[in-house]
């Protein structure tokens, strides 16, 4: 993390806002933030996702007084394909570029990123059910979305995940991908 300025012998770090759409992403990223002692990173769960996710972020920035100090910060939106069409995804991408918001995207779901904590990923798409089954095998129990104990255990392997996700780190609307590791590595 780079320093912005020094004030009275104290380094003030660049602030980063990460917006998420689900409890799983929020819980995982809070675990990751604690592991990295990233106090300058704030995780914000938002409602109203889908095609209008960037508009939701902009509205949250304008209306939430607790985010006042973050208006000029680096902003990242973590989301996945879900049922979005290619046109909707391209619209999100254009809106994000227009407002200088970074996208941390996973196709088909965030569990692609989670599985990368245990195995090297390829562009061959796995179904959500297969991703969940494989995660359960590595966790030696049924994988449960949003489970803080499981996500704490998964997050502890994030450095391995960054390497394992390299083959699928470019955003793709057709193939399996996740650039979450690329984004987290840049923080």
N, C-alpha and C. Protein backbone atom coordinates (compact mmCIF):
# COMPACT_ATOMS: atom_id res chain seq x y z
N UNK A 1 0.85 -1.18 0.00
CA UNK A 1 0.00 0.00 0.00
C UNK A 1 0.89 1.24 0.00
N UNK A 2 0.52 2.18 -0.78
CA UNK A 2 1.33 3.38 -0.89
C UNK A 2 0.82 4.45 0.07
N UNK A 3 1.76 5.27 0.50
CA UNK A 3 1.41 6.34 1.43
C UNK A 3 0.99 7.57 0.65
N UNK A 4 0.03 8.28 1.17
CA UNK A 4 -0.46 9.49 0.52
C UNK A 4 0.34 10.69 0.99
N UNK A 5 0.47 10.85 2.29
CA UNK A 5 1.25 11.95 2.84
C UNK A 5 1.62 11.60 4.29
N UNK A 6 2.56 12.33 4.82
CA UNK A 6 2.96 12.13 6.21
C UNK A 6 2.44 13.32 7.01
N UNK A 7 1.77 13.04 8.09
CA UNK A 7 1.19 14.08 8.93
C UNK A 7 1.59 13.80 10.37
N UNK A 8 2.36 14.71 10.95
CA UNK A 8 2.84 14.54 12.33
C UNK A 8 3.44 13.17 12.57
N UNK A 9 4.41 12.80 11.74
CA UNK A 9 5.12 11.53 11.85
C UNK A 9 4.23 10.31 11.70
N UNK A 10 3.05 10.48 11.10
CA UNK A 10 2.14 9.36 10.91
C UNK A 10 1.83 9.26 9.42
N UNK A 11 1.93 8.06 8.88
CA UNK A 11 1.64 7.85 7.47
C UNK A 11 0.14 7.69 7.30
N UNK A 12 -0.41 8.47 6.38
CA UNK A 12 -1.83 8.36 6.06
C UNK A 12 -1.93 7.58 4.76
N UNK A 13 -2.66 6.48 4.78
CA UNK A 13 -2.74 5.61 3.63
C UNK A 13 -3.91 5.99 2.72
N UNK A 14 -3.75 5.65 1.44
CA UNK A 14 -4.85 5.85 0.50
C UNK A 14 -6.04 5.03 0.95
N UNK A 15 -7.20 5.62 0.90
CA UNK A 15 -8.42 4.92 1.29
C UNK A 15 -8.99 4.19 0.09
N UNK A 16 -9.53 3.02 0.35
CA UNK A 16 -10.12 2.21 -0.71
C UNK A 16 -11.49 1.73 -0.25
N UNK A 17 -12.47 1.91 -1.11
CA UNK A 17 -13.82 1.41 -0.86
C UNK A 17 -14.06 0.21 -1.76
N UNK A 18 -14.50 -0.90 -1.17
CA UNK A 18 -14.86 -2.07 -1.95
C UNK A 18 -16.34 -2.35 -1.73
N UNK A 19 -17.11 -2.25 -2.81
CA UNK A 19 -18.54 -2.51 -2.75
C UNK A 19 -18.80 -3.96 -3.15
N UNK A 20 -19.65 -4.63 -2.40
CA UNK A 20 -19.98 -6.03 -2.67
C UNK A 20 -21.49 -6.21 -2.71
N UNK A 21 -21.92 -7.28 -3.37
CA UNK A 21 -23.35 -7.52 -3.51
C UNK A 21 -23.87 -8.67 -2.66
N UNK A 22 -22.98 -9.42 -2.00
CA UNK A 22 -23.47 -10.56 -1.22
C UNK A 22 -22.73 -10.71 0.10
N UNK A 23 -23.35 -11.46 0.98
CA UNK A 23 -22.74 -11.75 2.29
C UNK A 23 -21.43 -12.53 2.11
N UNK A 24 -21.39 -13.44 1.15
CA UNK A 24 -20.18 -14.23 0.93
C UNK A 24 -19.00 -13.33 0.60
N UNK A 25 -19.19 -12.42 -0.34
CA UNK A 25 -18.12 -11.50 -0.73
C UNK A 25 -17.72 -10.60 0.45
N UNK A 26 -18.72 -10.08 1.15
CA UNK A 26 -18.46 -9.21 2.29
C UNK A 26 -17.66 -9.94 3.38
N UNK A 27 -18.07 -11.13 3.72
CA UNK A 27 -17.40 -11.90 4.78
C UNK A 27 -15.99 -12.27 4.36
N UNK A 28 -15.83 -12.75 3.13
CA UNK A 28 -14.50 -13.11 2.63
C UNK A 28 -13.57 -11.89 2.66
N UNK A 29 -14.02 -10.78 2.10
CA UNK A 29 -13.16 -9.60 2.00
C UNK A 29 -12.84 -9.00 3.36
N UNK A 30 -13.74 -9.10 4.31
CA UNK A 30 -13.41 -8.65 5.67
C UNK A 30 -12.34 -9.55 6.28
N UNK A 31 -12.39 -10.85 6.02
CA UNK A 31 -11.33 -11.76 6.48
C UNK A 31 -10.01 -11.41 5.82
N UNK A 32 -10.05 -11.19 4.50
CA UNK A 32 -8.84 -10.82 3.76
C UNK A 32 -8.26 -9.51 4.30
N UNK A 33 -9.14 -8.54 4.57
CA UNK A 33 -8.72 -7.23 5.08
C UNK A 33 -8.01 -7.39 6.44
N UNK A 34 -8.55 -8.23 7.30
CA UNK A 34 -7.92 -8.46 8.60
C UNK A 34 -6.57 -9.17 8.46
N UNK A 35 -6.51 -10.16 7.59
CA UNK A 35 -5.24 -10.86 7.36
C UNK A 35 -4.15 -9.91 6.88
N UNK A 36 -4.54 -8.93 6.07
CA UNK A 36 -3.58 -7.99 5.50
C UNK A 36 -3.42 -6.71 6.30
N UNK A 37 -4.14 -6.64 7.41
CA UNK A 37 -4.10 -5.43 8.26
C UNK A 37 -4.33 -4.19 7.40
N UNK A 38 -5.35 -4.27 6.56
CA UNK A 38 -5.67 -3.20 5.61
C UNK A 38 -6.73 -2.28 6.20
N UNK A 39 -6.32 -1.47 7.14
CA UNK A 39 -7.28 -0.58 7.81
C UNK A 39 -7.79 0.53 6.88
N UNK A 40 -7.09 0.79 5.79
CA UNK A 40 -7.52 1.83 4.86
C UNK A 40 -8.59 1.32 3.88
N UNK A 41 -8.91 0.02 3.96
CA UNK A 41 -9.91 -0.58 3.09
C UNK A 41 -11.23 -0.71 3.85
N UNK A 42 -12.30 -0.24 3.22
CA UNK A 42 -13.63 -0.36 3.81
C UNK A 42 -14.50 -1.18 2.87
N UNK A 43 -15.16 -2.20 3.42
CA UNK A 43 -16.04 -3.07 2.65
C UNK A 43 -17.48 -2.59 2.87
N UNK A 44 -18.21 -2.37 1.79
CA UNK A 44 -19.58 -1.87 1.87
C UNK A 44 -20.50 -2.80 1.09
N UNK A 45 -21.49 -3.36 1.76
CA UNK A 45 -22.48 -4.21 1.10
C UNK A 45 -23.58 -3.31 0.55
N UNK A 46 -23.94 -3.56 -0.70
CA UNK A 46 -24.97 -2.74 -1.34
C UNK A 46 -26.14 -3.62 -1.79
N UNK A 47 -27.30 -2.99 -1.86
CA UNK A 47 -28.49 -3.65 -2.40
C UNK A 47 -28.74 -3.04 -3.77
N UNK A 48 -29.50 -3.73 -4.57
CA UNK A 48 -29.80 -3.17 -5.89
C UNK A 48 -28.67 -3.44 -6.84
N UNK A 49 -28.51 -4.67 -7.18
CA UNK A 49 -27.38 -5.04 -8.05
C UNK A 49 -27.87 -5.24 -9.46
N UNK A 50 -27.19 -6.10 -10.18
CA UNK A 50 -27.55 -6.34 -11.57
C UNK A 50 -27.04 -5.22 -12.45
N UNK A 51 -27.78 -4.94 -13.48
CA UNK A 51 -27.36 -3.96 -14.48
C UNK A 51 -27.08 -2.58 -13.87
N UNK A 52 -27.75 -2.27 -12.78
CA UNK A 52 -27.64 -0.93 -12.20
C UNK A 52 -26.66 -0.86 -11.03
N UNK A 53 -25.72 -1.77 -10.95
CA UNK A 53 -24.81 -1.83 -9.81
C UNK A 53 -23.96 -0.55 -9.69
N UNK A 54 -23.52 0.01 -10.79
CA UNK A 54 -22.69 1.23 -10.73
C UNK A 54 -23.55 2.41 -10.28
N UNK A 55 -24.76 2.51 -10.76
CA UNK A 55 -25.67 3.58 -10.31
C UNK A 55 -25.96 3.44 -8.82
N UNK A 56 -26.08 2.20 -8.35
CA UNK A 56 -26.30 1.95 -6.92
C UNK A 56 -25.10 2.44 -6.11
N UNK A 57 -23.90 2.17 -6.59
CA UNK A 57 -22.67 2.61 -5.92
C UNK A 57 -22.63 4.14 -5.87
N UNK A 58 -22.91 4.78 -6.99
CA UNK A 58 -22.89 6.25 -7.04
C UNK A 58 -23.91 6.85 -6.09
N UNK A 59 -25.08 6.25 -6.02
CA UNK A 59 -26.12 6.71 -5.09
C UNK A 59 -25.66 6.55 -3.65
N UNK A 60 -25.06 5.42 -3.36
CA UNK A 60 -24.56 5.16 -2.00
C UNK A 60 -23.49 6.18 -1.62
N UNK A 61 -22.59 6.48 -2.53
CA UNK A 61 -21.54 7.47 -2.28
C UNK A 61 -22.13 8.86 -2.01
N UNK A 62 -23.19 9.19 -2.73
CA UNK A 62 -23.81 10.51 -2.57
C UNK A 62 -24.64 10.63 -1.30
N UNK A 63 -25.28 9.55 -0.89
CA UNK A 63 -26.26 9.63 0.19
C UNK A 63 -25.82 9.09 1.55
N UNK A 64 -24.75 8.31 1.59
CA UNK A 64 -24.32 7.71 2.85
C UNK A 64 -23.25 8.59 3.49
N UNK A 65 -23.62 9.25 4.58
CA UNK A 65 -22.69 10.17 5.25
C UNK A 65 -21.44 9.47 5.78
N UNK A 66 -21.54 8.18 6.10
CA UNK A 66 -20.38 7.46 6.62
C UNK A 66 -19.30 7.25 5.55
N UNK A 67 -19.64 7.51 4.29
CA UNK A 67 -18.69 7.35 3.19
C UNK A 67 -18.11 8.68 2.72
N UNK A 68 -18.46 9.75 3.41
CA UNK A 68 -18.02 11.09 3.02
C UNK A 68 -16.51 11.18 2.81
N UNK A 69 -15.73 10.57 3.71
CA UNK A 69 -14.27 10.63 3.61
C UNK A 69 -13.71 9.78 2.49
N UNK A 70 -14.55 9.00 1.83
CA UNK A 70 -14.10 8.08 0.79
C UNK A 70 -14.48 8.52 -0.62
N UNK A 71 -15.10 9.68 -0.78
CA UNK A 71 -15.61 10.09 -2.09
C UNK A 71 -14.51 10.17 -3.15
N UNK A 72 -13.30 10.55 -2.77
CA UNK A 72 -12.21 10.66 -3.73
C UNK A 72 -11.24 9.49 -3.64
N UNK A 73 -11.69 8.41 -3.04
CA UNK A 73 -10.84 7.24 -2.86
C UNK A 73 -10.92 6.32 -4.08
N UNK A 74 -10.07 5.34 -4.07
CA UNK A 74 -10.15 4.27 -5.07
C UNK A 74 -11.41 3.46 -4.76
N UNK A 75 -12.19 3.19 -5.78
CA UNK A 75 -13.45 2.46 -5.60
C UNK A 75 -13.46 1.22 -6.47
N UNK A 76 -13.85 0.12 -5.84
CA UNK A 76 -13.88 -1.19 -6.51
C UNK A 76 -15.26 -1.80 -6.27
N UNK A 77 -15.81 -2.40 -7.31
CA UNK A 77 -17.08 -3.12 -7.19
C UNK A 77 -16.80 -4.59 -7.47
N UNK A 78 -17.16 -5.44 -6.51
CA UNK A 78 -17.00 -6.89 -6.66
C UNK A 78 -18.38 -7.46 -7.01
N UNK A 79 -18.45 -8.13 -8.16
CA UNK A 79 -19.73 -8.72 -8.55
C UNK A 79 -19.46 -9.91 -9.46
N UNK A 80 -20.52 -10.68 -9.73
CA UNK A 80 -20.38 -11.82 -10.62
C UNK A 80 -21.47 -11.81 -11.67
N UNK A 81 -21.33 -12.72 -12.62
CA UNK A 81 -22.21 -12.72 -13.79
C UNK A 81 -23.66 -13.00 -13.44
N UNK A 82 -23.88 -13.95 -12.57
CA UNK A 82 -25.25 -14.35 -12.24
C UNK A 82 -26.04 -14.55 -13.54
N UNK A 83 -27.16 -13.89 -13.65
CA UNK A 83 -28.03 -14.05 -14.82
C UNK A 83 -27.93 -12.86 -15.79
N UNK A 84 -26.89 -12.06 -15.66
CA UNK A 84 -26.75 -10.87 -16.51
C UNK A 84 -26.42 -11.26 -17.95
N UNK A 85 -26.99 -10.53 -18.88
CA UNK A 85 -26.68 -10.75 -20.30
C UNK A 85 -25.36 -10.05 -20.65
N UNK A 86 -24.81 -10.40 -21.79
CA UNK A 86 -23.57 -9.77 -22.24
C UNK A 86 -23.79 -8.26 -22.41
N UNK A 87 -24.94 -7.85 -22.95
CA UNK A 87 -25.24 -6.42 -23.10
C UNK A 87 -25.25 -5.71 -21.75
N UNK A 88 -25.85 -6.35 -20.74
CA UNK A 88 -25.89 -5.75 -19.41
C UNK A 88 -24.48 -5.65 -18.81
N UNK A 89 -23.68 -6.69 -19.01
CA UNK A 89 -22.30 -6.66 -18.51
C UNK A 89 -21.48 -5.57 -19.18
N UNK A 90 -21.66 -5.41 -20.48
CA UNK A 90 -20.95 -4.35 -21.21
C UNK A 90 -21.40 -2.98 -20.75
N UNK A 91 -22.67 -2.83 -20.42
CA UNK A 91 -23.19 -1.57 -19.88
C UNK A 91 -22.55 -1.26 -18.52
N UNK A 92 -22.44 -2.26 -17.69
CA UNK A 92 -21.77 -2.08 -16.39
C UNK A 92 -20.33 -1.66 -16.59
N UNK A 93 -19.66 -2.32 -17.52
CA UNK A 93 -18.26 -2.00 -17.80
C UNK A 93 -18.11 -0.55 -18.28
N UNK A 94 -18.98 -0.10 -19.15
CA UNK A 94 -18.93 1.29 -19.65
C UNK A 94 -19.19 2.29 -18.52
N UNK A 95 -20.19 2.01 -17.70
CA UNK A 95 -20.49 2.89 -16.56
C UNK A 95 -19.29 2.96 -15.61
N UNK A 96 -18.69 1.83 -15.34
CA UNK A 96 -17.53 1.79 -14.43
C UNK A 96 -16.38 2.62 -14.99
N UNK A 97 -16.11 2.49 -16.27
CA UNK A 97 -15.04 3.27 -16.91
C UNK A 97 -15.35 4.76 -16.83
N UNK A 98 -16.60 5.12 -17.08
CA UNK A 98 -17.02 6.52 -17.06
C UNK A 98 -16.76 7.16 -15.70
N UNK A 99 -16.98 6.41 -14.62
CA UNK A 99 -16.83 6.94 -13.27
C UNK A 99 -15.55 6.48 -12.57
N UNK A 100 -14.61 5.91 -13.32
CA UNK A 100 -13.32 5.45 -12.78
C UNK A 100 -13.50 4.49 -11.60
N UNK A 101 -14.42 3.57 -11.75
CA UNK A 101 -14.65 2.54 -10.74
C UNK A 101 -14.09 1.24 -11.29
N UNK A 102 -13.29 0.57 -10.49
CA UNK A 102 -12.71 -0.70 -10.92
C UNK A 102 -13.69 -1.84 -10.69
N UNK A 103 -13.62 -2.84 -11.56
CA UNK A 103 -14.48 -4.00 -11.44
C UNK A 103 -13.66 -5.23 -11.07
N UNK A 104 -14.10 -5.91 -10.03
CA UNK A 104 -13.57 -7.22 -9.67
C UNK A 104 -14.69 -8.20 -10.01
N UNK A 105 -14.50 -8.92 -11.10
CA UNK A 105 -15.59 -9.70 -11.71
C UNK A 105 -15.26 -11.18 -11.72
N UNK A 106 -16.26 -11.99 -11.44
CA UNK A 106 -16.12 -13.45 -11.55
C UNK A 106 -17.25 -13.99 -12.42
N UNK A 107 -16.89 -14.87 -13.33
CA UNK A 107 -17.87 -15.55 -14.16
C UNK A 107 -17.71 -17.05 -13.88
N UNK A 108 -18.55 -17.60 -13.29
CA UNK A 108 -19.98 -17.54 -13.18
C UNK A 108 -20.39 -16.95 -11.84
N UNK A 109 -19.57 -17.17 -10.83
CA UNK A 109 -19.90 -16.68 -9.48
C UNK A 109 -18.61 -16.50 -8.67
N UNK A 110 -18.74 -15.88 -7.51
CA UNK A 110 -17.60 -15.59 -6.64
C UNK A 110 -16.86 -16.86 -6.22
N UNK A 111 -17.57 -17.98 -6.22
CA UNK A 111 -16.94 -19.25 -5.83
C UNK A 111 -15.82 -19.67 -6.78
N UNK A 112 -15.78 -19.12 -7.99
CA UNK A 112 -14.64 -19.35 -8.88
C UNK A 112 -13.38 -18.84 -8.19
N UNK A 113 -13.46 -17.63 -7.64
CA UNK A 113 -12.33 -17.06 -6.91
C UNK A 113 -12.01 -17.91 -5.67
N UNK A 114 -13.02 -18.34 -4.96
CA UNK A 114 -12.79 -19.13 -3.75
C UNK A 114 -12.10 -20.45 -4.08
N UNK A 115 -12.51 -21.12 -5.15
CA UNK A 115 -11.89 -22.39 -5.53
C UNK A 115 -10.42 -22.20 -5.90
N UNK A 116 -10.07 -21.04 -6.42
CA UNK A 116 -8.67 -20.76 -6.77
C UNK A 116 -7.76 -20.81 -5.54
N UNK A 117 -8.31 -20.76 -4.36
CA UNK A 117 -7.50 -20.88 -3.14
C UNK A 117 -6.96 -22.29 -2.95
N UNK A 118 -7.49 -23.23 -3.76
CA UNK A 118 -7.10 -24.63 -3.59
C UNK A 118 -6.58 -25.29 -4.86
N UNK A 119 -6.94 -24.77 -6.03
CA UNK A 119 -6.48 -25.41 -7.25
C UNK A 119 -6.28 -24.39 -8.36
N UNK A 120 -5.40 -24.75 -9.30
CA UNK A 120 -5.13 -23.91 -10.47
C UNK A 120 -6.39 -23.89 -11.34
N UNK A 121 -6.77 -22.72 -11.77
CA UNK A 121 -8.02 -22.56 -12.51
C UNK A 121 -7.77 -22.57 -14.02
N UNK A 122 -8.81 -22.99 -14.75
CA UNK A 122 -8.75 -22.98 -16.21
C UNK A 122 -10.00 -22.27 -16.73
N UNK A 123 -9.99 -21.99 -18.02
CA UNK A 123 -11.12 -21.27 -18.62
C UNK A 123 -12.35 -22.13 -18.82
N UNK A 124 -12.23 -23.43 -18.62
CA UNK A 124 -13.39 -24.32 -18.73
C UNK A 124 -14.36 -24.02 -17.61
N UNK A 125 -15.58 -23.70 -17.99
CA UNK A 125 -16.59 -23.31 -17.00
C UNK A 125 -17.03 -24.49 -16.15
N UNK A 126 -17.09 -24.25 -14.86
CA UNK A 126 -17.68 -25.20 -13.92
C UNK A 126 -19.02 -24.62 -13.48
N UNK A 127 -19.99 -25.48 -13.27
CA UNK A 127 -21.29 -25.01 -12.79
C UNK A 127 -21.16 -24.55 -11.34
N UNK A 128 -22.10 -23.76 -10.90
CA UNK A 128 -22.13 -23.33 -9.50
C UNK A 128 -22.15 -24.54 -8.58
N UNK A 129 -22.93 -25.55 -8.93
CA UNK A 129 -23.02 -26.76 -8.11
C UNK A 129 -21.66 -27.45 -8.01
N UNK A 130 -20.94 -27.54 -9.13
CA UNK A 130 -19.62 -28.19 -9.13
C UNK A 130 -18.62 -27.37 -8.31
N UNK A 131 -18.66 -26.06 -8.44
CA UNK A 131 -17.78 -25.21 -7.64
C UNK A 131 -18.04 -25.43 -6.15
N UNK A 132 -19.31 -25.45 -5.76
CA UNK A 132 -19.66 -25.66 -4.36
C UNK A 132 -19.24 -27.04 -3.87
N UNK A 133 -19.41 -28.06 -4.71
CA UNK A 133 -19.00 -29.43 -4.36
C UNK A 133 -17.50 -29.50 -4.14
N UNK A 134 -16.73 -28.91 -5.07
CA UNK A 134 -15.27 -28.93 -4.94
C UNK A 134 -14.81 -28.18 -3.69
N UNK A 135 -15.42 -27.03 -3.42
CA UNK A 135 -15.07 -26.29 -2.20
C UNK A 135 -15.35 -27.16 -0.96
N UNK A 136 -16.48 -27.83 -0.95
CA UNK A 136 -16.82 -28.72 0.16
C UNK A 136 -15.79 -29.82 0.35
N UNK A 137 -15.28 -30.36 -0.76
CA UNK A 137 -14.25 -31.40 -0.68
C UNK A 137 -12.98 -30.86 -0.02
N UNK A 138 -12.58 -29.66 -0.41
CA UNK A 138 -11.38 -29.07 0.19
C UNK A 138 -11.61 -28.69 1.65
N UNK A 139 -12.81 -28.28 1.99
CA UNK A 139 -13.13 -27.88 3.37
C UNK A 139 -13.50 -29.07 4.25
N UNK A 140 -13.67 -30.24 3.64
CA UNK A 140 -14.05 -31.47 4.35
C UNK A 140 -15.41 -31.35 5.03
N UNK A 141 -16.27 -30.56 4.46
CA UNK A 141 -17.64 -30.39 4.94
C UNK A 141 -18.44 -29.72 3.82
N UNK A 142 -19.72 -29.68 3.93
CA UNK A 142 -20.54 -29.01 2.92
C UNK A 142 -20.23 -27.51 2.92
N UNK A 143 -19.93 -26.99 1.75
CA UNK A 143 -19.67 -25.55 1.62
C UNK A 143 -20.98 -24.79 1.81
N UNK A 144 -20.92 -23.75 2.66
CA UNK A 144 -22.10 -22.91 2.90
C UNK A 144 -21.75 -21.47 2.56
N UNK A 145 -22.50 -20.89 1.62
CA UNK A 145 -22.27 -19.49 1.24
C UNK A 145 -22.36 -18.60 2.47
N UNK A 146 -21.43 -17.69 2.62
CA UNK A 146 -21.48 -16.71 3.69
C UNK A 146 -21.00 -17.20 5.04
N UNK A 147 -20.62 -18.48 5.17
CA UNK A 147 -20.17 -19.03 6.45
C UNK A 147 -18.81 -18.43 6.84
N UNK A 148 -18.79 -17.69 7.93
CA UNK A 148 -17.57 -16.95 8.29
C UNK A 148 -16.39 -17.86 8.63
N UNK A 149 -16.63 -18.97 9.28
CA UNK A 149 -15.51 -19.88 9.61
C UNK A 149 -14.90 -20.46 8.34
N UNK A 150 -15.75 -20.88 7.42
CA UNK A 150 -15.24 -21.43 6.16
C UNK A 150 -14.50 -20.35 5.36
N UNK A 151 -15.07 -19.16 5.30
CA UNK A 151 -14.45 -18.09 4.51
C UNK A 151 -13.15 -17.60 5.16
N UNK A 152 -13.06 -17.63 6.48
CA UNK A 152 -11.79 -17.32 7.16
C UNK A 152 -10.72 -18.32 6.73
N UNK A 153 -11.08 -19.60 6.72
CA UNK A 153 -10.13 -20.65 6.34
C UNK A 153 -9.71 -20.49 4.88
N UNK A 154 -10.67 -20.20 4.01
CA UNK A 154 -10.37 -20.01 2.59
C UNK A 154 -9.47 -18.79 2.40
N UNK A 155 -9.80 -17.68 3.03
CA UNK A 155 -9.05 -16.42 2.86
C UNK A 155 -7.59 -16.56 3.27
N UNK A 156 -7.31 -17.44 4.20
CA UNK A 156 -5.92 -17.61 4.65
C UNK A 156 -5.01 -18.10 3.53
N UNK A 157 -5.57 -18.60 2.45
CA UNK A 157 -4.80 -19.08 1.30
C UNK A 157 -4.81 -18.09 0.12
N UNK A 158 -5.11 -16.82 0.38
CA UNK A 158 -5.31 -15.88 -0.72
C UNK A 158 -4.08 -15.70 -1.62
N UNK A 159 -2.87 -15.83 -1.06
CA UNK A 159 -1.67 -15.66 -1.89
C UNK A 159 -1.56 -16.78 -2.92
N UNK A 160 -1.95 -17.99 -2.53
CA UNK A 160 -1.98 -19.12 -3.46
C UNK A 160 -3.04 -18.86 -4.53
N UNK A 161 -4.19 -18.33 -4.12
CA UNK A 161 -5.29 -18.07 -5.05
C UNK A 161 -4.89 -17.07 -6.13
N UNK A 162 -4.10 -16.08 -5.78
CA UNK A 162 -3.67 -15.08 -6.77
C UNK A 162 -2.91 -15.78 -7.90
N UNK A 163 -2.02 -16.70 -7.55
CA UNK A 163 -1.27 -17.45 -8.56
C UNK A 163 -2.18 -18.42 -9.33
N UNK A 164 -3.05 -19.12 -8.60
CA UNK A 164 -3.92 -20.11 -9.23
C UNK A 164 -4.95 -19.48 -10.17
N UNK A 165 -5.28 -18.23 -9.96
CA UNK A 165 -6.28 -17.55 -10.80
C UNK A 165 -5.66 -16.83 -11.99
N UNK A 166 -4.33 -16.78 -12.08
CA UNK A 166 -3.68 -16.06 -13.18
C UNK A 166 -4.18 -16.49 -14.57
N UNK A 167 -4.40 -17.79 -14.84
CA UNK A 167 -4.86 -18.16 -16.19
C UNK A 167 -6.25 -17.62 -16.55
N UNK A 168 -7.02 -17.18 -15.56
CA UNK A 168 -8.38 -16.71 -15.85
C UNK A 168 -8.59 -15.28 -15.31
N UNK A 169 -7.51 -14.51 -15.25
CA UNK A 169 -7.55 -13.19 -14.62
C UNK A 169 -8.09 -12.07 -15.51
N UNK A 170 -8.32 -12.35 -16.78
CA UNK A 170 -8.88 -11.33 -17.66
C UNK A 170 -10.40 -11.50 -17.71
N UNK A 171 -11.12 -10.38 -17.67
CA UNK A 171 -12.57 -10.43 -17.70
C UNK A 171 -13.05 -11.07 -18.99
N UNK A 172 -13.92 -12.05 -18.84
CA UNK A 172 -14.53 -12.75 -19.97
C UNK A 172 -15.99 -12.98 -19.66
N UNK A 173 -16.84 -12.64 -20.61
CA UNK A 173 -18.27 -12.86 -20.41
C UNK A 173 -18.68 -14.26 -20.84
N UNK A 174 -17.80 -14.94 -21.57
CA UNK A 174 -18.12 -16.28 -22.08
C UNK A 174 -17.46 -17.39 -21.27
N UNK A 175 -16.20 -17.22 -20.95
CA UNK A 175 -15.46 -18.27 -20.25
C UNK A 175 -15.37 -18.00 -18.76
N UNK A 176 -14.96 -19.02 -18.04
CA UNK A 176 -14.76 -18.88 -16.60
C UNK A 176 -13.64 -17.86 -16.36
N UNK A 177 -13.87 -16.95 -15.44
CA UNK A 177 -12.85 -15.95 -15.14
C UNK A 177 -13.05 -15.38 -13.74
N UNK A 178 -11.99 -14.80 -13.24
CA UNK A 178 -12.06 -13.99 -12.03
C UNK A 178 -10.81 -13.11 -11.98
N UNK A 179 -11.01 -11.83 -11.85
CA UNK A 179 -9.87 -10.91 -11.69
C UNK A 179 -9.80 -10.39 -10.26
N UNK A 180 -10.48 -11.04 -9.34
CA UNK A 180 -10.48 -10.62 -7.94
C UNK A 180 -9.06 -10.63 -7.40
N UNK A 181 -8.29 -11.68 -7.68
CA UNK A 181 -6.91 -11.76 -7.19
C UNK A 181 -6.04 -10.65 -7.73
N UNK A 182 -6.21 -10.33 -9.00
CA UNK A 182 -5.46 -9.25 -9.64
C UNK A 182 -5.74 -7.92 -8.92
N UNK A 183 -7.01 -7.68 -8.62
CA UNK A 183 -7.40 -6.44 -7.93
C UNK A 183 -6.84 -6.43 -6.51
N UNK A 184 -7.03 -7.53 -5.77
CA UNK A 184 -6.56 -7.58 -4.38
C UNK A 184 -5.04 -7.44 -4.32
N UNK A 185 -4.35 -8.01 -5.28
CA UNK A 185 -2.90 -7.93 -5.32
C UNK A 185 -2.42 -6.49 -5.55
N UNK A 186 -3.26 -5.66 -6.13
CA UNK A 186 -2.89 -4.27 -6.41
C UNK A 186 -3.15 -3.33 -5.21
N UNK A 187 -3.76 -3.85 -4.17
CA UNK A 187 -4.07 -3.03 -3.01
C UNK A 187 -2.89 -3.01 -2.06
